């Protein structure tokens, strides 16, 4: 079994990165092969200026790292996204990654089985900055489906830590929540 963690933050030792490292170490303890990626180490273009060629041909005209990233997702059994919130929204890198999936799937069944059902979400942000709404943004792709990802919202304000220093995972309460999060992910078929 393989677990893939994708960090959607540019900070290598920030809260998202540290949460992924923690979770993947727990999954490794459970026998998973693990890999962590930081999305900012890859070239990703957003959709546009293509006249929706992908809808007609199934191919995307963009030449970037999206096929390589999605291949890693297809090869994984469990995927965890760690996404920070900026101005009450998920990062733009997350949206660029997500919107490019249009050209990669031939139908909804393949989309669900090879990608969506594997995804779990860690959202890092403060409620005072709209992080609760960011969780809703992340869940839009799962509307009207028979399943939802495991989701955890981690707020540095809630644990009296810094959103900048990357020390959220040092809290024993956060570790306990992440342990429960991992147990729920592993227990899914």
Protein backbone atom coordinates (compact mmCIF):
# COMPACT_ATOMS: atom_id res chain seq x y z
CA UNK A 1 0.00 0.00 0.00
CA UNK A 2 1.23 3.49 -0.85
CA UNK A 3 0.35 6.80 0.80
CA UNK A 4 1.05 10.07 -1.00
CA UNK A 5 1.10 13.43 0.75
CA UNK A 6 0.92 16.62 -1.30
CA UNK A 7 1.74 19.94 0.34
CA UNK A 8 0.13 22.98 -1.26
CA UNK A 9 2.24 25.45 0.71
CA UNK A 10 5.50 27.02 -0.42
CA UNK A 11 7.03 26.70 3.05
CA UNK A 12 9.09 23.52 3.53
CA UNK A 13 8.80 23.58 7.31
CA UNK A 14 5.42 25.23 7.69
CA UNK A 15 2.32 23.79 9.31
CA UNK A 16 1.13 22.00 6.14
CA UNK A 17 4.49 20.40 5.49
CA UNK A 18 4.90 19.34 9.11
CA UNK A 19 1.37 17.90 9.21
CA UNK A 20 2.08 15.81 6.10
CA UNK A 21 5.39 14.59 7.53
CA UNK A 22 3.65 13.60 10.76
CA UNK A 23 0.82 11.78 8.99
CA UNK A 24 3.09 9.95 6.57
CA UNK A 25 5.31 8.79 9.45
CA UNK A 26 2.20 7.35 11.13
CA UNK A 27 1.19 5.64 7.91
CA UNK A 28 4.71 4.25 7.48
CA UNK A 29 4.35 2.75 10.97
CA UNK A 30 1.22 1.01 9.66
CA UNK A 31 3.13 -0.56 6.76
CA UNK A 32 2.52 2.00 4.02
CA UNK A 33 5.18 3.07 1.57
CA UNK A 34 5.08 6.88 1.70
CA UNK A 35 6.02 9.83 -0.45
CA UNK A 36 5.67 13.56 0.18
CA UNK A 37 5.57 16.16 -2.57
CA UNK A 38 5.54 19.93 -2.41
CA UNK A 39 3.45 21.32 -5.24
CA UNK A 40 5.69 24.39 -5.49
CA UNK A 41 8.54 22.22 -6.75
CA UNK A 42 6.54 21.50 -9.91
CA UNK A 43 5.50 23.58 -12.89
CA UNK A 44 1.73 23.86 -13.07
CA UNK A 45 -0.18 26.04 -15.47
CA UNK A 46 -3.82 26.87 -14.96
CA UNK A 47 -6.45 26.09 -17.55
CA UNK A 48 -7.06 28.59 -20.29
CA UNK A 49 -6.21 29.80 -23.79
CA UNK A 50 -6.91 26.41 -25.32
CA UNK A 51 -10.53 26.49 -26.54
CA UNK A 52 -11.29 23.42 -24.38
CA UNK A 53 -9.28 21.08 -26.58
CA UNK A 54 -9.21 18.53 -23.73
CA UNK A 55 -12.99 18.09 -23.92
CA UNK A 56 -12.76 17.11 -27.57
CA UNK A 57 -9.49 15.20 -27.74
CA UNK A 58 -8.88 14.07 -24.15
CA UNK A 59 -5.46 15.73 -24.36
CA UNK A 60 -4.23 18.89 -22.69
CA UNK A 61 -2.11 21.29 -24.70
CA UNK A 62 -0.20 22.47 -21.63
CA UNK A 63 3.31 21.06 -21.24
CA UNK A 64 4.03 21.05 -17.53
CA UNK A 65 4.27 18.63 -14.60
CA UNK A 66 0.55 17.86 -14.20
CA UNK A 67 0.73 14.43 -15.90
CA UNK A 68 3.64 13.45 -13.62
CA UNK A 69 1.78 14.63 -10.49
CA UNK A 70 -1.46 12.87 -11.37
CA UNK A 71 0.46 9.67 -12.21
CA UNK A 72 1.75 9.70 -8.62
CA UNK A 73 -1.86 10.12 -7.45
CA UNK A 74 -3.04 7.20 -9.59
CA UNK A 75 -0.27 4.99 -8.20
CA UNK A 76 -1.13 5.81 -4.57
CA UNK A 77 -3.72 3.98 -2.49
CA UNK A 78 -4.29 6.90 -0.11
CA UNK A 79 -3.70 10.60 -0.77
CA UNK A 80 -3.50 13.42 1.74
CA UNK A 81 -3.58 17.03 0.62
CA UNK A 82 -2.33 19.63 3.12
CA UNK A 83 -3.63 23.02 2.03
CA UNK A 84 -3.13 26.37 3.71
CA UNK A 85 -5.66 29.14 3.48
CA UNK A 86 -4.83 32.59 2.18
CA UNK A 87 -7.38 35.38 2.62
CA UNK A 88 -10.01 32.81 3.56
CA UNK A 89 -9.49 30.65 0.47
CA UNK A 90 -7.44 27.67 -0.58
CA UNK A 91 -4.20 28.45 -2.41
CA UNK A 92 -4.25 29.17 -6.13
CA UNK A 93 -1.84 26.26 -6.69
CA UNK A 94 -4.51 23.92 -5.37
CA UNK A 95 -7.05 25.25 -7.85
CA UNK A 96 -4.63 25.05 -10.77
CA UNK A 97 -3.81 21.44 -9.85
CA UNK A 98 -7.49 20.56 -9.49
CA UNK A 99 -8.83 22.22 -12.63
CA UNK A 100 -6.31 20.45 -14.82
CA UNK A 101 -7.85 17.08 -13.95
CA UNK A 102 -10.47 17.67 -16.68
CA UNK A 103 -8.27 16.26 -19.42
CA UNK A 104 -7.13 13.18 -17.51
CA UNK A 105 -10.31 11.15 -17.01
CA UNK A 106 -12.53 9.56 -19.62
CA UNK A 107 -15.61 9.37 -17.38
CA UNK A 108 -16.93 9.99 -13.86
CA UNK A 109 -16.46 6.40 -12.73
CA UNK A 110 -12.75 6.49 -13.56
CA UNK A 111 -12.49 9.95 -11.93
CA UNK A 112 -14.02 8.65 -8.70
CA UNK A 113 -12.18 5.33 -8.51
CA UNK A 114 -8.69 6.34 -9.60
CA UNK A 115 -8.60 9.70 -7.85
CA UNK A 116 -11.43 11.14 -5.75
CA UNK A 117 -11.97 8.16 -3.42
CA UNK A 118 -8.30 8.25 -2.39
CA UNK A 119 -8.23 11.89 -1.30
CA UNK A 120 -8.20 13.14 2.29
CA UNK A 121 -7.75 16.76 3.34
CA UNK A 122 -5.85 18.71 5.94
CA UNK A 123 -6.84 22.37 5.79
CA UNK A 124 -4.63 24.74 7.78
CA UNK A 125 -6.03 28.14 8.60
CA UNK A 126 -7.74 30.23 11.21
CA UNK A 127 -11.49 30.54 11.58
CA UNK A 128 -11.10 34.28 11.99
CA UNK A 129 -9.65 34.31 8.45
CA UNK A 130 -12.35 32.19 6.82
CA UNK A 131 -10.77 28.73 7.05
CA UNK A 132 -14.20 27.16 7.58
CA UNK A 133 -15.26 28.45 4.16
CA UNK A 134 -12.05 27.08 2.66
CA UNK A 135 -13.09 23.62 3.88
CA UNK A 136 -16.32 24.05 1.94
CA UNK A 137 -14.32 25.05 -1.15
CA UNK A 138 -12.26 21.88 -0.85
CA UNK A 139 -15.39 19.75 -0.60
CA UNK A 140 -17.09 21.12 -3.74
CA UNK A 141 -15.64 18.33 -5.89
CA UNK A 142 -17.38 15.76 -3.68
CA UNK A 143 -20.89 17.20 -3.87
CA UNK A 144 -23.57 14.66 -4.88
CA UNK A 145 -21.22 11.71 -4.53
CA UNK A 146 -21.77 8.70 -2.29
CA UNK A 147 -18.56 9.40 -0.34
CA UNK A 148 -16.59 12.24 1.19
CA UNK A 149 -12.93 12.53 2.10
CA UNK A 150 -11.70 12.56 5.66
CA UNK A 151 -11.14 16.22 6.51
CA UNK A 152 -9.40 17.96 9.36
CA UNK A 153 -9.19 21.72 9.91
CA UNK A 154 -6.20 22.82 11.95
CA UNK A 155 -6.23 26.34 13.32
CA UNK A 156 -3.15 27.77 15.01
CA UNK A 157 -5.38 30.18 16.97
CA UNK A 158 -7.18 27.23 18.54
CA UNK A 159 -3.90 25.83 19.91
CA UNK A 160 -2.20 29.15 20.76
CA UNK A 161 0.55 28.55 18.22
CA UNK A 162 1.87 30.62 15.35
CA UNK A 163 0.50 30.28 11.85
CA UNK A 164 3.93 31.39 10.59
CA UNK A 165 6.41 29.39 12.69
CA UNK A 166 5.20 25.94 11.61
CA UNK A 167 4.87 24.72 15.19
CA UNK A 168 1.24 23.59 15.11
CA UNK A 169 2.12 19.87 15.02
CA UNK A 170 4.16 20.22 18.22
CA UNK A 171 0.88 20.45 20.15
CA UNK A 172 -0.13 17.14 21.76
CA UNK A 173 -3.78 17.94 20.99
CA UNK A 174 -2.99 18.41 17.29
CA UNK A 175 -1.02 15.15 17.25
CA UNK A 176 -4.01 13.36 18.77
CA UNK A 177 -6.34 14.81 16.14
CA UNK A 178 -3.92 13.79 13.38
CA UNK A 179 -3.65 10.29 14.86
CA UNK A 180 -7.45 9.97 14.73
CA UNK A 181 -7.45 11.37 11.18
CA UNK A 182 -4.94 8.71 10.09
CA UNK A 183 -6.93 5.94 11.80
CA UNK A 184 -10.04 6.99 9.85
CA UNK A 185 -8.08 7.04 6.56
CA UNK A 186 -6.53 3.62 7.14
CA UNK A 187 -9.84 2.09 8.18
CA UNK A 188 -11.47 3.04 4.86
CA UNK A 189 -11.52 0.16 2.40
